[in-house]
Amino acid sequence: MKKHELHELHKVHDLNDSNEFDALIRESAKSGQTAGPPPRLTNALKAELYARENAARREIPTRTISLWYLPMVINCIIFGLLGILSFLLISDPLLLVFAVLGCAYGAAAGIVLTVIGMKRTNMREECAIHIEKRGALT
């Protein structure tokens, strides 16, 4: 690498303010160059990539526990207990069947909603706890 390029890279690396970085990208887009982006923009993007890569390497190792299933489990427990309670307290057989079927329907609806949520969103990544690993060398 030439001395001038190193100086330019260090100068661009000092663009910590994202507004300057955004302004540089907008300036490049407005200029309408077809030969490619200017060297200053290329160096700024490289510096940003290297900084993000170094930050990712320095990240503390963690253990991830996914909690996507927790609402479904709690819903099934609540409706199961409600069904058992209604079984114990209701003496009329027809009313008992309706109450137990209603509780079973509520539990099944919770399972279906969780499955639909899993298909439509990234619930596994969003609903997680990150715990720092013990004894990890950093």
C-alpha atoms as a PDB file:
ATOM      1  CA  MET A   1       0.000   0.000   0.000  1.00  0.00           C
ATOM      2  CA  LYS A   2       1.271   3.444  -0.860  1.00  0.00           C
ATOM      3  CA  LYS A   3       1.964   5.994   1.823  1.00  0.00           C
ATOM      4  CA  HIS A   4      -0.755   8.275   0.441  1.00  0.00           C
ATOM      5  CA  GLU A   5      -3.334   5.460   0.569  1.00  0.00           C
ATOM      6  CA  LEU A   6      -2.398   4.649   4.172  1.00  0.00           C
ATOM      7  CA  HIS A   7      -2.787   8.284   5.134  1.00  0.00           C
ATOM      8  CA  GLU A   8      -6.160   8.402   3.358  1.00  0.00           C
ATOM      9  CA  LEU A   9      -7.256   5.186   5.087  1.00  0.00           C
ATOM     10  CA  HIS A  10      -6.376   6.569   8.529  1.00  0.00           C
ATOM     11  CA  LYS A  11      -8.066   9.836   7.662  1.00  0.00           C
ATOM     12  CA  VAL A  12     -11.222   8.027   6.546  1.00  0.00           C
ATOM     13  CA  HIS A  13     -11.144   5.683   9.540  1.00  0.00           C
ATOM     14  CA  ASP A  14     -11.654   8.738  11.727  1.00  0.00           C
ATOM     15  CA  LEU A  15     -15.154   9.148  10.261  1.00  0.00           C
ATOM     16  CA  ASN A  16     -16.816   7.861  13.397  1.00  0.00           C
ATOM     17  CA  ASP A  17     -19.797  10.113  12.915  1.00  0.00           C
ATOM     18  CA  SER A  18     -22.347   8.235  10.827  1.00  0.00           C
ATOM     19  CA  ASN A  19     -23.600  11.527   9.361  1.00  0.00           C
ATOM     20  CA  GLU A  20     -20.255  12.097   7.666  1.00  0.00           C
ATOM     21  CA  PHE A  21     -20.261   8.535   6.409  1.00  0.00           C
ATOM     22  CA  ASP A  22     -23.805   8.928   5.052  1.00  0.00           C
ATOM     23  CA  ALA A  23     -22.895  12.243   3.445  1.00  0.00           C
ATOM     24  CA  LEU A  24     -19.938  10.599   1.716  1.00  0.00           C
ATOM     25  CA  ILE A  25     -22.181   7.873   0.299  1.00  0.00           C
ATOM     26  CA  ARG A  26     -24.771  10.429  -0.877  1.00  0.00           C
ATOM     27  CA  GLU A  27     -22.024  12.512  -2.497  1.00  0.00           C
ATOM     28  CA  SER A  28     -20.820   9.490  -4.390  1.00  0.00           C
ATOM     29  CA  ALA A  29     -24.334   8.617  -5.536  1.00  0.00           C
ATOM     30  CA  LYS A  30     -25.024  12.173  -6.733  1.00  0.00           C
ATOM     31  CA  SER A  31     -21.814  12.409  -8.754  1.00  0.00           C
ATOM     32  CA  GLY A  32     -23.094   9.703 -11.133  1.00  0.00           C
ATOM     33  CA  GLN A  33     -19.706   8.148 -11.752  1.00  0.00           C
ATOM     34  CA  THR A  34     -19.874   5.074 -13.924  1.00  0.00           C
ATOM     35  CA  ALA A  35     -16.242   4.052 -13.442  1.00  0.00           C
ATOM     36  CA  GLY A  36     -16.869   3.090  -9.843  1.00  0.00           C
ATOM     37  CA  PRO A  37     -16.940   4.705  -6.442  1.00  0.00           C
ATOM     38  CA  PRO A  38     -14.246   7.190  -5.486  1.00  0.00           C
ATOM     39  CA  PRO A  39     -11.260   5.805  -3.553  1.00  0.00           C
ATOM     40  CA  ARG A  40     -12.253   7.763  -0.449  1.00  0.00           C
ATOM     41  CA  LEU A  41     -15.612   5.973  -0.306  1.00  0.00           C
ATOM     42  CA  THR A  42     -13.996   2.598  -0.941  1.00  0.00           C
ATOM     43  CA  ASN A  43     -11.503   3.177   1.860  1.00  0.00           C
ATOM     44  CA  ALA A  44     -14.255   4.352   4.204  1.00  0.00           C
ATOM     45  CA  LEU A  45     -16.311   1.242   3.530  1.00  0.00           C
ATOM     46  CA  LYS A  46     -13.267  -0.995   4.049  1.00  0.00           C
ATOM     47  CA  ALA A  47     -12.464   0.739   7.323  1.00  0.00           C
ATOM     48  CA  GLU A  48     -16.061   0.344   8.507  1.00  0.00           C
ATOM     49  CA  LEU A  49     -16.067  -3.344   7.555  1.00  0.00           C
ATOM     50  CA  TYR A  50     -12.782  -3.972   9.359  1.00  0.00           C
ATOM     51  CA  ALA A  51     -14.040  -2.141  12.450  1.00  0.00           C
ATOM     52  CA  ARG A  52     -17.231  -4.229  12.525  1.00  0.00           C
ATOM     53  CA  GLU A  53     -15.272  -7.438  11.996  1.00  0.00           C
ATOM     54  CA  ASN A  54     -12.920  -6.597  14.874  1.00  0.00           C
ATOM     55  CA  ALA A  55     -15.886  -5.753  17.110  1.00  0.00           C
ATOM     56  CA  ALA A  56     -17.497  -9.090  16.266  1.00  0.00           C
ATOM     57  CA  ARG A  57     -14.280 -10.941  17.113  1.00  0.00           C
ATOM     58  CA  ARG A  58     -13.988  -9.154  20.445  1.00  0.00           C
ATOM     59  CA  GLU A  59     -17.566 -10.005  21.359  1.00  0.00           C
ATOM     60  CA  ILE A  60     -17.839 -11.974  24.595  1.00  0.00           C
ATOM     61  CA  PRO A  61     -18.825 -15.612  24.016  1.00  0.00           C
ATOM     62  CA  THR A  62     -22.378 -16.204  25.130  1.00  0.00           C
ATOM     63  CA  ARG A  63     -24.775 -19.094  25.461  1.00  0.00           C
ATOM     64  CA  THR A  64     -28.179 -18.505  23.908  1.00  0.00           C
ATOM     65  CA  ILE A  65     -31.365 -19.949  25.378  1.00  0.00           C
ATOM     66  CA  SER A  66     -34.351 -19.652  23.070  1.00  0.00           C
ATOM     67  CA  LEU A  67     -37.700 -18.889  24.702  1.00  0.00           C
ATOM     68  CA  TRP A  68     -40.007 -19.055  21.667  1.00  0.00           C
ATOM     69  CA  TYR A  69     -41.974 -21.939  23.159  1.00  0.00           C
ATOM     70  CA  LEU A  70     -42.611 -20.289  26.550  1.00  0.00           C
ATOM     71  CA  PRO A  71     -45.936 -18.528  25.740  1.00  0.00           C
ATOM     72  CA  MET A  72     -47.317 -21.757  24.263  1.00  0.00           C
ATOM     73  CA  VAL A  73     -46.297 -23.795  27.310  1.00  0.00           C
ATOM     74  CA  ILE A  74     -47.737 -21.272  29.777  1.00  0.00           C
ATOM     75  CA  ASN A  75     -50.972 -21.123  27.755  1.00  0.00           C
ATOM     76  CA  CYS A  76     -51.286 -24.934  27.780  1.00  0.00           C
ATOM     77  CA  ILE A  77     -50.595 -25.077  31.533  1.00  0.00           C
ATOM     78  CA  ILE A  78     -53.203 -22.419  32.308  1.00  0.00           C
ATOM     79  CA  PHE A  79     -55.903 -23.997  30.148  1.00  0.00           C
ATOM     80  CA  GLY A  80     -55.001 -27.474  31.456  1.00  0.00           C
ATOM     81  CA  LEU A  81     -55.366 -26.336  35.051  1.00  0.00           C
ATOM     82  CA  LEU A  82     -58.595 -24.550  34.188  1.00  0.00           C
ATOM     83  CA  GLY A  83     -59.909 -27.770  32.612  1.00  0.00           C
ATOM     84  CA  ILE A  84     -58.973 -29.798  35.700  1.00  0.00           C
ATOM     85  CA  LEU A  85     -60.574 -27.193  37.956  1.00  0.00           C
ATOM     86  CA  SER A  86     -63.774 -27.209  35.912  1.00  0.00           C
ATOM     87  CA  PHE A  87     -63.759 -31.035  35.988  1.00  0.00           C
ATOM     88  CA  LEU A  88     -63.585 -30.944  39.772  1.00  0.00           C
ATOM     89  CA  LEU A  89     -66.143 -28.174  40.345  1.00  0.00           C
ATOM     90  CA  ILE A  90     -68.859 -28.706  37.709  1.00  0.00           C
ATOM     91  CA  SER A  91     -71.399 -31.440  38.448  1.00  0.00           C
ATOM     92  CA  ASP A  92     -73.601 -31.117  35.341  1.00  0.00           C
ATOM     93  CA  PRO A  93     -72.196 -33.537  32.679  1.00  0.00           C
ATOM     94  CA  LEU A  94     -73.198 -31.463  29.631  1.00  0.00           C
ATOM     95  CA  LEU A  95     -71.767 -28.251  31.072  1.00  0.00           C
ATOM     96  CA  LEU A  96     -68.633 -30.157  32.096  1.00  0.00           C
ATOM     97  CA  VAL A  97     -68.059 -31.370  28.529  1.00  0.00           C
ATOM     98  CA  PHE A  98     -68.463 -27.843  27.159  1.00  0.00           C
ATOM     99  CA  ALA A  99     -66.066 -26.394  29.746  1.00  0.00           C
ATOM    100  CA  VAL A 100     -63.402 -29.039  29.153  1.00  0.00           C
ATOM    101  CA  LEU A 101     -63.737 -28.734  25.361  1.00  0.00           C
ATOM    102  CA  GLY A 102     -63.443 -24.949  25.672  1.00  0.00           C
ATOM    103  CA  CYS A 103     -60.234 -25.336  27.654  1.00  0.00           C
ATOM    104  CA  ALA A 104     -58.869 -27.827  25.122  1.00  0.00           C
ATOM    105  CA  TYR A 105     -59.781 -25.412  22.323  1.00  0.00           C
ATOM    106  CA  GLY A 106     -57.959 -22.563  24.106  1.00  0.00           C
ATOM    107  CA  ALA A 107     -54.827 -24.683  24.529  1.00  0.00           C
ATOM    108  CA  ALA A 108     -54.934 -25.798  20.877  1.00  0.00           C
ATOM    109  CA  ALA A 109     -55.407 -22.180  19.736  1.00  0.00           C
ATOM    110  CA  GLY A 110     -52.274 -21.182  21.665  1.00  0.00           C
ATOM    111  CA  ILE A 111     -50.284 -23.917  19.924  1.00  0.00           C
ATOM    112  CA  VAL A 112     -51.596 -22.907  16.489  1.00  0.00           C
ATOM    113  CA  LEU A 113     -50.816 -19.225  17.108  1.00  0.00           C
ATOM    114  CA  THR A 114     -47.276 -20.102  18.183  1.00  0.00           C
ATOM    115  CA  VAL A 115     -46.728 -22.203  15.051  1.00  0.00           C
ATOM    116  CA  ILE A 116     -48.059 -19.400  12.842  1.00  0.00           C
ATOM    117  CA  GLY A 117     -45.801 -16.929  14.645  1.00  0.00           C
ATOM    118  CA  MET A 118     -42.815 -19.204  14.033  1.00  0.00           C
ATOM    119  CA  LYS A 119     -43.584 -19.375  10.297  1.00  0.00           C
ATOM    120  CA  ARG A 120     -44.193 -15.642   9.837  1.00  0.00           C
ATOM    121  CA  THR A 121     -41.532 -14.079  12.074  1.00  0.00           C
ATOM    122  CA  ASN A 122     -38.031 -14.768  13.326  1.00  0.00           C
ATOM    123  CA  MET A 123     -39.300 -15.542  16.803  1.00  0.00           C
ATOM    124  CA  ARG A 124     -36.461 -17.940  17.651  1.00  0.00           C
ATOM    125  CA  GLU A 125     -33.835 -15.200  17.348  1.00  0.00           C
ATOM    126  CA  GLU A 126     -35.930 -12.430  18.884  1.00  0.00           C
ATOM    127  CA  CYS A 127     -37.125 -14.348  21.966  1.00  0.00           C
ATOM    128  CA  ALA A 128     -33.832 -15.437  23.459  1.00  0.00           C
ATOM    129  CA  ILE A 129     -31.687 -14.901  26.529  1.00  0.00           C
ATOM    130  CA  HIS A 130     -27.933 -14.490  26.064  1.00  0.00           C
ATOM    131  CA  ILE A 131     -25.819 -15.688  29.006  1.00  0.00           C
ATOM    132  CA  GLU A 132     -22.088 -15.050  29.217  1.00  0.00           C
ATOM    133  CA  LYS A 133     -20.096 -18.267  29.299  1.00  0.00           C
ATOM    134  CA  ARG A 134     -18.039 -18.877  32.429  1.00  0.00           C
ATOM    135  CA  GLY A 135     -14.310 -19.405  32.114  1.00  0.00           C
ATOM    136  CA  ALA A 136     -14.214 -18.199  28.517  1.00  0.00           C
ATOM    137  CA  LEU A 137     -10.872 -16.750  27.508  1.00  0.00           C
ATOM    138  CA  THR A 138     -11.200 -13.286  26.036  1.00  0.00           C
END
